[in-house]
Amino acid sequence: MTAQALQDIKGIATKRTHAHKGDCLKVIATHGKVYILEHPNGDRFSTTADKIQLIEN
């Protein structure tokens, strides 16, 4: 499954930007409204459903 970032996604503790608005991300797993995503550079992180848009099932 693929998702697109609707806004910049930053880490809670580190404030590091994991993905920028418009980035295409691979969905690794889901748990309710939380998604585990992988950026093309290999960075894996979690985010909530309101920050991404699913574009492929």
Protein backbone atom coordinates (compact mmCIF):
# COMPACT_ATOMS: atom_id res chain seq x y z
CA MET A 1 0.00 0.00 0.00
CA THR A 2 1.24 3.52 -0.76
CA ALA A 3 0.49 6.79 0.98
CA GLN A 4 1.19 10.46 0.30
CA ALA A 5 2.10 12.95 3.03
CA LEU A 6 -0.50 15.72 3.34
CA GLN A 7 1.87 17.80 5.50
CA ASP A 8 5.39 17.66 6.88
CA ILE A 9 5.69 14.75 9.31
CA LYS A 10 8.04 15.37 12.24
CA GLY A 11 9.18 13.19 15.13
CA ILE A 12 7.59 13.94 18.50
CA ALA A 13 10.76 13.88 20.62
CA THR A 14 13.45 14.77 18.09
CA LYS A 15 11.46 17.26 15.97
CA ARG A 16 13.30 15.74 12.98
CA THR A 17 11.37 15.87 9.71
CA HIS A 18 10.68 12.33 8.52
CA ALA A 19 8.70 13.28 5.39
CA HIS A 20 7.79 16.46 3.54
CA LYS A 21 4.40 17.36 2.11
CA GLY A 22 3.81 15.41 -1.13
CA ASP A 23 6.32 12.61 -0.43
CA CYS A 24 5.23 9.10 -1.45
CA LEU A 25 5.63 6.60 1.37
CA LYS A 26 5.30 2.83 1.63
CA VAL A 27 2.86 1.55 4.29
CA ILE A 28 4.55 -1.22 6.30
CA ALA A 29 1.79 -1.85 8.87
CA THR A 30 -1.35 -0.37 10.38
CA HIS A 31 -2.70 -0.41 13.91
CA GLY A 32 -6.08 1.34 14.09
CA LYS A 33 -5.47 4.92 12.94
CA VAL A 34 -1.68 4.67 13.30
CA TYR A 35 0.44 3.82 10.26
CA ILE A 36 4.03 2.58 10.18
CA LEU A 37 5.59 4.08 7.05
CA GLU A 38 8.86 3.77 5.15
CA HIS A 39 10.39 6.66 3.23
CA PRO A 40 12.26 5.81 0.00
CA ASN A 41 15.53 6.64 1.82
CA GLY A 42 14.88 3.73 4.23
CA ASP A 43 13.71 5.80 7.21
CA ARG A 44 10.82 4.10 9.07
CA PHE A 45 8.45 6.03 11.32
CA SER A 46 4.86 6.10 12.58
CA THR A 47 2.15 8.69 12.05
CA THR A 48 -1.61 9.11 12.37
CA ALA A 49 -4.15 8.79 9.57
CA ASP A 50 -4.89 12.54 9.44
CA LYS A 51 -1.37 13.32 8.15
CA ILE A 52 -1.43 10.99 5.13
CA GLN A 53 -3.65 10.06 2.21
CA LEU A 54 -3.76 6.47 1.00
CA ILE A 55 -3.34 6.38 -2.79
CA GLU A 56 -3.16 2.64 -3.51
CA ASN A 57 -4.49 -0.55 -1.90
